[in-house]
């Protein structure tokens, strides 16, 4: 599993909640060829509800769930963890 985590060491402390999803569009090809594509949005704990609602609204989102801040899926595929900054559309 290839994992890309955009958080800085400091953000791993402040953005400790991750809302994860299985990406139905990107699974099986590209970076996730032969496997599953996961995406996660790391956010501050107080933003979990808003970020989860935003992720659930995505048409490519399957199996939306909150996972631990040290989330590391196994198997074949690709995982990308994005950071929800103060100006992210999920918080508007």
PDB file of N, CA and C in Angstrom:
ATOM      1  N   UNK A   1       0.852  -1.180   0.000  1.00  0.00           N
ATOM      2  CA  UNK A   1       0.000   0.000   0.000  1.00  0.00           C
ATOM      3  C   UNK A   1       0.892   1.236   0.000  1.00  0.00           C
ATOM      4  N   UNK A   2       0.716   2.064  -1.007  1.00  0.00           N
ATOM      5  CA  UNK A   2       1.419   3.341  -1.043  1.00  0.00           C
ATOM      6  C   UNK A   2       0.585   4.349  -0.254  1.00  0.00           C
ATOM      7  N   UNK A   3       1.227   5.053   0.682  1.00  0.00           N
ATOM      8  CA  UNK A   3       0.521   6.025   1.520  1.00  0.00           C
ATOM      9  C   UNK A   3       1.183   7.391   1.387  1.00  0.00           C
ATOM     10  N   UNK A   4       0.380   8.390   1.061  1.00  0.00           N
ATOM     11  CA  UNK A   4       0.827   9.779   0.989  1.00  0.00           C
ATOM     12  C   UNK A   4       0.055  10.542   2.055  1.00  0.00           C
ATOM     13  N   UNK A   5       0.771  11.139   2.991  1.00  0.00           N
ATOM     14  CA  UNK A   5       0.147  11.899   4.075  1.00  0.00           C
ATOM     15  C   UNK A   5       0.646  13.338   3.973  1.00  0.00           C
ATOM     16  N   UNK A   6      -0.259  14.246   3.662  1.00  0.00           N
ATOM     17  CA  UNK A   6       0.106  15.658   3.455  1.00  0.00           C
ATOM     18  C   UNK A   6       0.347  16.432   4.750  1.00  0.00           C
ATOM     19  N   UNK A   7       0.078  15.838   5.903  1.00  0.00           N
ATOM     20  CA  UNK A   7       0.216  16.562   7.166  1.00  0.00           C
ATOM     21  C   UNK A   7       1.681  16.755   7.563  1.00  0.00           C
ATOM     22  N   UNK A   8       1.962  17.913   8.134  1.00  0.00           N
ATOM     23  CA  UNK A   8       3.272  18.160   8.738  1.00  0.00           C
ATOM     24  C   UNK A   8       3.294  17.445  10.091  1.00  0.00           C
ATOM     25  N   UNK A   9       4.474  17.312  10.714  1.00  0.00           N
ATOM     26  CA  UNK A   9       4.506  16.711  12.056  1.00  0.00           C
ATOM     27  C   UNK A   9       3.591  17.444  13.046  1.00  0.00           C
ATOM     28  N   UNK A  10       3.513  18.763  12.944  1.00  0.00           N
ATOM     29  CA  UNK A  10       2.647  19.532  13.829  1.00  0.00           C
ATOM     30  C   UNK A  10       1.170  19.231  13.554  1.00  0.00           C
ATOM     31  N   UNK A  11       0.809  19.128  12.279  1.00  0.00           N
ATOM     32  CA  UNK A  11      -0.583  18.848  11.923  1.00  0.00           C
ATOM     33  C   UNK A  11      -1.004  17.440  12.332  1.00  0.00           C
ATOM     34  N   UNK A  12      -0.060  16.525  12.456  1.00  0.00           N
ATOM     35  CA  UNK A  12      -0.418  15.185  12.928  1.00  0.00           C
ATOM     36  C   UNK A  12      -0.913  15.246  14.365  1.00  0.00           C
ATOM     37  N   UNK A  13      -0.529  16.297  15.100  1.00  0.00           N
ATOM     38  CA  UNK A  13      -1.028  16.501  16.458  1.00  0.00           C
ATOM     39  C   UNK A  13      -2.353  17.266  16.460  1.00  0.00           C
ATOM     40  N   UNK A  14      -2.439  18.327  15.670  1.00  0.00           N
ATOM     41  CA  UNK A  14      -3.639  19.172  15.681  1.00  0.00           C
ATOM     42  C   UNK A  14      -4.773  18.609  14.832  1.00  0.00           C
ATOM     43  N   UNK A  15      -4.441  17.902  13.758  1.00  0.00           N
ATOM     44  CA  UNK A  15      -5.436  17.326  12.836  1.00  0.00           C
ATOM     45  C   UNK A  15      -5.449  15.811  13.041  1.00  0.00           C
ATOM     46  N   UNK A  16      -5.860  15.404  14.227  1.00  0.00           N
ATOM     47  CA  UNK A  16      -5.738  14.009  14.642  1.00  0.00           C
ATOM     48  C   UNK A  16      -6.921  13.134  14.255  1.00  0.00           C
ATOM     49  N   UNK A  17      -7.992  13.722  13.765  1.00  0.00           N
ATOM     50  CA  UNK A  17      -9.145  12.950  13.300  1.00  0.00           C
ATOM     51  C   UNK A  17      -9.059  12.808  11.786  1.00  0.00           C
ATOM     52  N   UNK A  18      -9.383  11.639  11.289  1.00  0.00           N
ATOM     53  CA  UNK A  18      -9.384  11.420   9.839  1.00  0.00           C
ATOM     54  C   UNK A  18     -10.729  10.838   9.432  1.00  0.00           C
ATOM     55  N   UNK A  19     -11.354  11.469   8.451  1.00  0.00           N
ATOM     56  CA  UNK A  19     -12.556  10.920   7.839  1.00  0.00           C
ATOM     57  C   UNK A  19     -12.100  10.250   6.555  1.00  0.00           C
ATOM     58  N   UNK A  20     -12.277   8.942   6.507  1.00  0.00           N
ATOM     59  CA  UNK A  20     -11.770   8.141   5.398  1.00  0.00           C
ATOM     60  C   UNK A  20     -12.906   7.643   4.516  1.00  0.00           C
ATOM     61  N   UNK A  21     -12.564   7.354   3.276  1.00  0.00           N
ATOM     62  CA  UNK A  21     -13.522   6.772   2.341  1.00  0.00           C
ATOM     63  C   UNK A  21     -12.793   5.852   1.385  1.00  0.00           C
ATOM     64  N   UNK A  22     -13.515   4.913   0.842  1.00  0.00           N
ATOM     65  CA  UNK A  22     -13.029   4.120  -0.270  1.00  0.00           C
ATOM     66  C   UNK A  22     -13.446   4.871  -1.519  1.00  0.00           C
ATOM     67  N   UNK A  23     -12.495   5.122  -2.407  1.00  0.00           N
ATOM     68  CA  UNK A  23     -12.751   5.905  -3.612  1.00  0.00           C
ATOM     69  C   UNK A  23     -13.177   4.970  -4.733  1.00  0.00           C
ATOM     70  N   UNK A  24     -14.468   4.990  -5.060  1.00  0.00           N
ATOM     71  CA  UNK A  24     -14.993   4.083  -6.082  1.00  0.00           C
ATOM     72  C   UNK A  24     -14.506   4.438  -7.475  1.00  0.00           C
ATOM     73  N   UNK A  25     -14.119   5.671  -7.698  1.00  0.00           N
ATOM     74  CA  UNK A  25     -13.668   6.093  -9.026  1.00  0.00           C
ATOM     75  C   UNK A  25     -12.220   5.692  -9.291  1.00  0.00           C
ATOM     76  N   UNK A  26     -11.332   5.880  -8.332  1.00  0.00           N
ATOM     77  CA  UNK A  26      -9.906   5.641  -8.548  1.00  0.00           C
ATOM     78  C   UNK A  26      -9.443   4.227  -8.206  1.00  0.00           C
ATOM     79  N   UNK A  27     -10.272   3.437  -7.538  1.00  0.00           N
ATOM     80  CA  UNK A  27      -9.869   2.077  -7.193  1.00  0.00           C
ATOM     81  C   UNK A  27      -9.662   1.244  -8.451  1.00  0.00           C
ATOM     82  N   UNK A  28      -8.591   0.440  -8.416  1.00  0.00           N
ATOM     83  CA  UNK A  28      -8.334  -0.510  -9.497  1.00  0.00           C
ATOM     84  C   UNK A  28      -7.411  -0.046 -10.602  1.00  0.00           C
ATOM     85  N   UNK A  29      -7.046   1.219 -10.646  1.00  0.00           N
ATOM     86  CA  UNK A  29      -6.172   1.695 -11.721  1.00  0.00           C
ATOM     87  C   UNK A  29      -5.286   2.823 -11.206  1.00  0.00           C
ATOM     88  N   UNK A  30      -4.363   3.271 -12.050  1.00  0.00           N
ATOM     89  CA  UNK A  30      -3.443   4.341 -11.662  1.00  0.00           C
ATOM     90  C   UNK A  30      -2.585   3.908 -10.493  1.00  0.00           C
ATOM     91  N   UNK A  31      -2.468   4.773  -9.489  1.00  0.00           N
ATOM     92  CA  UNK A  31      -1.677   4.455  -8.296  1.00  0.00           C
ATOM     93  C   UNK A  31      -2.244   3.257  -7.537  1.00  0.00           C
ATOM     94  N   UNK A  32      -3.523   2.983  -7.718  1.00  0.00           N
ATOM     95  CA  UNK A  32      -4.174   1.873  -7.011  1.00  0.00           C
ATOM     96  C   UNK A  32      -4.391   0.668  -7.921  1.00  0.00           C
ATOM     97  N   UNK A  33      -3.622   0.555  -8.989  1.00  0.00           N
ATOM     98  CA  UNK A  33      -3.806  -0.546  -9.941  1.00  0.00           C
ATOM     99  C   UNK A  33      -3.763  -1.893  -9.224  1.00  0.00           C
ATOM    100  N   UNK A  34      -4.800  -2.678  -9.447  1.00  0.00           N
ATOM    101  CA  UNK A  34      -4.888  -3.986  -8.824  1.00  0.00           C
ATOM    102  C   UNK A  34      -5.314  -3.951  -7.374  1.00  0.00           C
ATOM    103  N   UNK A  35      -5.709  -2.789  -6.884  1.00  0.00           N
ATOM    104  CA  UNK A  35      -6.075  -2.670  -5.474  1.00  0.00           C
ATOM    105  C   UNK A  35      -7.130  -1.614  -5.248  1.00  0.00           C
ATOM    106  N   UNK A  36      -7.134  -1.096  -4.053  1.00  0.00           N
ATOM    107  CA  UNK A  36      -8.152  -0.147  -3.614  1.00  0.00           C
ATOM    108  C   UNK A  36      -7.539   1.235  -3.430  1.00  0.00           C
ATOM    109  N   UNK A  37      -8.310   2.256  -3.751  1.00  0.00           N
ATOM    110  CA  UNK A  37      -7.900   3.630  -3.503  1.00  0.00           C
ATOM    111  C   UNK A  37      -8.687   4.161  -2.312  1.00  0.00           C
ATOM    112  N   UNK A  38      -7.951   4.656  -1.310  1.00  0.00           N
ATOM    113  CA  UNK A  38      -8.557   5.266  -0.140  1.00  0.00           C
ATOM    114  C   UNK A  38      -8.167   6.731  -0.102  1.00  0.00           C
ATOM    115  N   UNK A  39      -9.072   7.551   0.405  1.00  0.00           N
ATOM    116  CA  UNK A  39      -8.767   8.951   0.650  1.00  0.00           C
ATOM    117  C   UNK A  39      -9.213   9.269   2.067  1.00  0.00           C
ATOM    118  N   UNK A  40      -8.439  10.109   2.730  1.00  0.00           N
ATOM    119  CA  UNK A  40      -8.793  10.532   4.073  1.00  0.00           C
ATOM    120  C   UNK A  40      -8.550  12.019   4.215  1.00  0.00           C
ATOM    121  N   UNK A  41      -9.405  12.660   4.981  1.00  0.00           N
ATOM    122  CA  UNK A  41      -9.251  14.088   5.251  1.00  0.00           C
ATOM    123  C   UNK A  41      -8.982  14.260   6.733  1.00  0.00           C
ATOM    124  N   UNK A  42      -7.771  14.705   7.051  1.00  0.00           N
ATOM    125  CA  UNK A  42      -7.373  14.923   8.440  1.00  0.00           C
ATOM    126  C   UNK A  42      -7.888  16.287   8.876  1.00  0.00           C
ATOM    127  N   UNK A  43      -8.530  16.295  10.035  1.00  0.00           N
ATOM    128  CA  UNK A  43      -9.105  17.539  10.527  1.00  0.00           C
ATOM    129  C   UNK A  43      -8.946  17.631  12.039  1.00  0.00           C
ATOM    130  N   UNK A  44      -9.247  18.799  12.552  1.00  0.00           N
ATOM    131  CA  UNK A  44      -9.270  18.994  13.995  1.00  0.00           C
ATOM    132  C   UNK A  44     -10.493  18.254  14.543  1.00  0.00           C
ATOM    133  N   UNK A  45     -10.392  17.696  15.740  1.00  0.00           N
ATOM    134  CA  UNK A  45     -11.519  16.933  16.295  1.00  0.00           C
ATOM    135  C   UNK A  45     -12.851  17.697  16.310  1.00  0.00           C
ATOM    136  N   UNK A  46     -12.799  18.993  16.499  1.00  0.00           N
ATOM    137  CA  UNK A  46     -14.042  19.766  16.542  1.00  0.00           C
ATOM    138  C   UNK A  46     -14.709  19.921  15.175  1.00  0.00           C
ATOM    139  N   UNK A  47     -14.034  19.512  14.104  1.00  0.00           N
ATOM    140  CA  UNK A  47     -14.586  19.635  12.752  1.00  0.00           C
ATOM    141  C   UNK A  47     -15.060  18.304  12.170  1.00  0.00           C
ATOM    142  N   UNK A  48     -15.024  17.239  12.951  1.00  0.00           N
ATOM    143  CA  UNK A  48     -15.340  15.899  12.432  1.00  0.00           C
ATOM    144  C   UNK A  48     -16.714  15.846  11.775  1.00  0.00           C
ATOM    145  N   UNK A  49     -17.734  16.368  12.417  1.00  0.00           N
ATOM    146  CA  UNK A  49     -19.096  16.271  11.864  1.00  0.00           C
ATOM    147  C   UNK A  49     -19.214  16.968  10.514  1.00  0.00           C
ATOM    148  N   UNK A  50     -18.669  18.161  10.404  1.00  0.00           N
ATOM    149  CA  UNK A  50     -18.744  18.895   9.138  1.00  0.00           C
ATOM    150  C   UNK A  50     -17.962  18.185   8.039  1.00  0.00           C
ATOM    151  N   UNK A  51     -16.775  17.698   8.364  1.00  0.00           N
ATOM    152  CA  UNK A  51     -15.950  17.032   7.355  1.00  0.00           C
ATOM    153  C   UNK A  51     -16.605  15.718   6.930  1.00  0.00           C
ATOM    154  N   UNK A  52     -17.150  14.981   7.871  1.00  0.00           N
ATOM    155  CA  UNK A  52     -17.820  13.730   7.507  1.00  0.00           C
ATOM    156  C   UNK A  52     -19.016  13.990   6.593  1.00  0.00           C
ATOM    157  N   UNK A  53     -19.798  15.002   6.890  1.00  0.00           N
ATOM    158  CA  UNK A  53     -20.943  15.357   6.041  1.00  0.00           C
ATOM    159  C   UNK A  53     -20.464  15.704   4.624  1.00  0.00           C
ATOM    160  N   UNK A  54     -19.357  16.449   4.537  1.00  0.00           N
ATOM    161  CA  UNK A  54     -18.811  16.836   3.231  1.00  0.00           C
ATOM    162  C   UNK A  54     -18.328  15.605   2.460  1.00  0.00           C
ATOM    163  N   UNK A  55     -17.612  14.713   3.124  1.00  0.00           N
ATOM    164  CA  UNK A  55     -17.118  13.505   2.447  1.00  0.00           C
ATOM    165  C   UNK A  55     -18.295  12.652   1.982  1.00  0.00           C
ATOM    166  N   UNK A  56     -19.303  12.475   2.817  1.00  0.00           N
ATOM    167  CA  UNK A  56     -20.469  11.665   2.444  1.00  0.00           C
ATOM    168  C   UNK A  56     -21.202  12.234   1.234  1.00  0.00           C
ATOM    169  N   UNK A  57     -21.076  13.537   0.993  1.00  0.00           N
ATOM    170  CA  UNK A  57     -21.768  14.161  -0.142  1.00  0.00           C
ATOM    171  C   UNK A  57     -21.072  13.890  -1.477  1.00  0.00           C
ATOM    172  N   UNK A  58     -19.880  13.339  -1.441  1.00  0.00           N
ATOM    173  CA  UNK A  58     -19.128  13.070  -2.671  1.00  0.00           C
ATOM    174  C   UNK A  58     -19.699  11.846  -3.378  1.00  0.00           C
ATOM    175  N   UNK A  59     -19.840  11.927  -4.686  1.00  0.00           N
ATOM    176  CA  UNK A  59     -20.417  10.809  -5.440  1.00  0.00           C
ATOM    177  C   UNK A  59     -19.486   9.597  -5.518  1.00  0.00           C
ATOM    178  N   UNK A  60     -18.193   9.797  -5.305  1.00  0.00           N
ATOM    179  CA  UNK A  60     -17.237   8.683  -5.388  1.00  0.00           C
ATOM    180  C   UNK A  60     -16.975   8.033  -4.028  1.00  0.00           C
ATOM    181  N   UNK A  61     -17.641   8.501  -2.979  1.00  0.00           N
ATOM    182  CA  UNK A  61     -17.363   8.051  -1.616  1.00  0.00           C
ATOM    183  C   UNK A  61     -18.144   6.789  -1.262  1.00  0.00           C
ATOM    184  N   UNK A  62     -17.414   5.766  -0.869  1.00  0.00           N
ATOM    185  CA  UNK A  62     -17.991   4.529  -0.351  1.00  0.00           C
ATOM    186  C   UNK A  62     -17.352   4.259   1.003  1.00  0.00           C
ATOM    187  N   UNK A  63     -18.052   3.593   1.889  1.00  0.00           N
ATOM    188  CA  UNK A  63     -17.532   3.221   3.206  1.00  0.00           C
ATOM    189  C   UNK A  63     -16.910   4.412   3.943  1.00  0.00           C
ATOM    190  N   UNK A  64     -17.651   5.467   4.123  1.00  0.00           N
ATOM    191  CA  UNK A  64     -17.159   6.649   4.841  1.00  0.00           C
ATOM    192  C   UNK A  64     -17.152   6.328   6.332  1.00  0.00           C
ATOM    193  N   UNK A  65     -16.027   6.643   6.986  1.00  0.00           N
ATOM    194  CA  UNK A  65     -15.887   6.347   8.403  1.00  0.00           C
ATOM    195  C   UNK A  65     -14.802   7.210   9.023  1.00  0.00           C
ATOM    196  N   UNK A  66     -14.861   7.354  10.350  1.00  0.00           N
ATOM    197  CA  UNK A  66     -13.791   8.027  11.072  1.00  0.00           C
ATOM    198  C   UNK A  66     -12.766   6.971  11.464  1.00  0.00           C
ATOM    199  N   UNK A  67     -11.491   7.284  11.246  1.00  0.00           N
ATOM    200  CA  UNK A  67     -10.406   6.362  11.592  1.00  0.00           C
ATOM    201  C   UNK A  67      -9.404   7.076  12.488  1.00  0.00           C
ATOM    202  N   UNK A  68      -8.505   6.312  13.068  1.00  0.00           N
ATOM    203  CA  UNK A  68      -7.485   6.874  13.957  1.00  0.00           C
ATOM    204  C   UNK A  68      -6.510   7.743  13.172  1.00  0.00           C
ATOM    205  N   UNK A  69      -5.896   8.689  13.856  1.00  0.00           N
ATOM    206  CA  UNK A  69      -4.941   9.609  13.239  1.00  0.00           C
ATOM    207  C   UNK A  69      -3.693   8.940  12.704  1.00  0.00           C
ATOM    208  N   UNK A  70      -3.429   7.714  13.120  1.00  0.00           N
ATOM    209  CA  UNK A  70      -2.264   6.981  12.600  1.00  0.00           C
ATOM    210  C   UNK A  70      -2.698   5.903  11.606  1.00  0.00           C
ATOM    211  N   UNK A  71      -3.811   6.116  10.945  1.00  0.00           N
ATOM    212  CA  UNK A  71      -4.421   5.182   9.992  1.00  0.00           C
ATOM    213  C   UNK A  71      -3.437   4.799   8.892  1.00  0.00           C
ATOM    214  N   UNK A  72      -3.241   3.499   8.719  1.00  0.00           N
ATOM    215  CA  UNK A  72      -2.353   2.972   7.697  1.00  0.00           C
ATOM    216  C   UNK A  72      -2.980   1.712   7.107  1.00  0.00           C
ATOM    217  N   UNK A  73      -3.812   1.846   6.063  1.00  0.00           N
ATOM    218  CA  UNK A  73      -4.433   0.663   5.456  1.00  0.00           C
ATOM    219  C   UNK A  73      -3.379  -0.314   4.920  1.00  0.00           C
ATOM    220  N   UNK A  74      -3.758  -1.561   4.842  1.00  0.00           N
ATOM    221  CA  UNK A  74      -2.854  -2.594   4.323  1.00  0.00           C
ATOM    222  C   UNK A  74      -3.389  -3.132   3.015  1.00  0.00           C
ATOM    223  N   UNK A  75      -2.579  -3.922   2.364  1.00  0.00           N
ATOM    224  CA  UNK A  75      -2.989  -4.544   1.116  1.00  0.00           C
ATOM    225  C   UNK A  75      -2.430  -3.790  -0.076  1.00  0.00           C
ATOM    226  N   UNK A  76      -3.011  -4.058  -1.232  1.00  0.00           N
ATOM    227  CA  UNK A  76      -2.572  -3.441  -2.479  1.00  0.00           C
ATOM    228  C   UNK A  76      -3.427  -2.219  -2.766  1.00  0.00           C
ATOM    229  N   UNK A  77      -2.774  -1.125  -3.114  1.00  0.00           N
ATOM    230  CA  UNK A  77      -3.520   0.063  -3.477  1.00  0.00           C
ATOM    231  C   UNK A  77      -2.806   1.348  -3.110  1.00  0.00           C
ATOM    232  N   UNK A  78      -3.608   2.383  -2.922  1.00  0.00           N
ATOM    233  CA  UNK A  78      -3.088   3.731  -2.697  1.00  0.00           C
ATOM    234  C   UNK A  78      -3.960   4.449  -1.675  1.00  0.00           C
ATOM    235  N   UNK A  79      -3.327   5.169  -0.762  1.00  0.00           N
ATOM    236  CA  UNK A  79      -4.024   5.975   0.234  1.00  0.00           C
ATOM    237  C   UNK A  79      -3.447   7.383   0.222  1.00  0.00           C
ATOM    238  N   UNK A  80      -4.315   8.376   0.218  1.00  0.00           N
ATOM    239  CA  UNK A  80      -3.871   9.772   0.290  1.00  0.00           C
ATOM    240  C   UNK A  80      -4.625  10.439   1.425  1.00  0.00           C
ATOM    241  N   UNK A  81      -3.882  11.058   2.341  1.00  0.00           N
ATOM    242  CA  UNK A  81      -4.466  11.790   3.453  1.00  0.00           C
ATOM    243  C   UNK A  81      -4.255  13.284   3.194  1.00  0.00           C
ATOM    244  N   UNK A  82      -5.359  13.990   3.068  1.00  0.00           N
ATOM    245  CA  UNK A  82      -5.355  15.427   2.822  1.00  0.00           C
ATOM    246  C   UNK A  82      -5.568  16.163   4.149  1.00  0.00           C
ATOM    247  N   UNK A  83      -5.224  17.430   4.176  1.00  0.00           N
ATOM    248  CA  UNK A  83      -5.402  18.249   5.367  1.00  0.00           C
ATOM    249  C   UNK A  83      -6.570  19.206   5.154  1.00  0.00           C
ATOM    250  N   UNK A  84      -7.470  19.244   6.129  1.00  0.00           N
ATOM    251  CA  UNK A  84      -8.582  20.200   6.088  1.00  0.00           C
ATOM    252  C   UNK A  84      -8.121  21.454   6.816  1.00  0.00           C
ATOM    253  N   UNK A  85      -7.737  22.443   6.020  1.00  0.00           N
ATOM    254  CA  UNK A  85      -7.314  23.722   6.583  1.00  0.00           C
ATOM    255  C   UNK A  85      -8.510  24.601   6.895  1.00  0.00           C
ATOM    256  N   UNK A  86      -8.261  25.738   7.502  1.00  0.00           N
ATOM    257  CA  UNK A  86      -9.337  26.647   7.916  1.00  0.00           C
ATOM    258  C   UNK A  86     -10.202  27.131   6.768  1.00  0.00           C
ATOM    259  N   UNK A  87      -9.676  27.141   5.542  1.00  0.00           N
ATOM    260  CA  UNK A  87     -10.439  27.627   4.385  1.00  0.00           C
ATOM    261  C   UNK A  87     -11.027  26.507   3.534  1.00  0.00           C
ATOM    262  N   UNK A  88     -10.978  25.272   4.015  1.00  0.00           N
ATOM    263  CA  UNK A  88     -11.497  24.127   3.257  1.00  0.00           C
ATOM    264  C   UNK A  88     -13.015  24.257   3.093  1.00  0.00           C
ATOM    265  N   UNK A  89     -13.519  23.847   1.946  1.00  0.00           N
ATOM    266  CA  UNK A  89     -14.960  23.972   1.662  1.00  0.00           C
ATOM    267  C   UNK A  89     -15.841  23.170   2.627  1.00  0.00           C
ATOM    268  N   UNK A  90     -15.301  22.130   3.262  1.00  0.00           N
ATOM    269  CA  UNK A  90     -16.083  21.356   4.217  1.00  0.00           C
ATOM    270  C   UNK A  90     -16.459  22.179   5.444  1.00  0.00           C
ATOM    271  N   UNK A  91     -15.711  23.226   5.730  1.00  0.00           N
ATOM    272  CA  UNK A  91     -15.946  24.028   6.924  1.00  0.00           C
ATOM    273  C   UNK A  91     -16.808  25.252   6.667  1.00  0.00           C
ATOM    274  N   UNK A  92     -17.238  25.444   5.447  1.00  0.00           N
ATOM    275  CA  UNK A  92     -18.048  26.633   5.102  1.00  0.00           C
ATOM    276  C   UNK A  92     -19.511  26.374   5.303  1.00  0.00           C
TER     277      UNK A  92
END
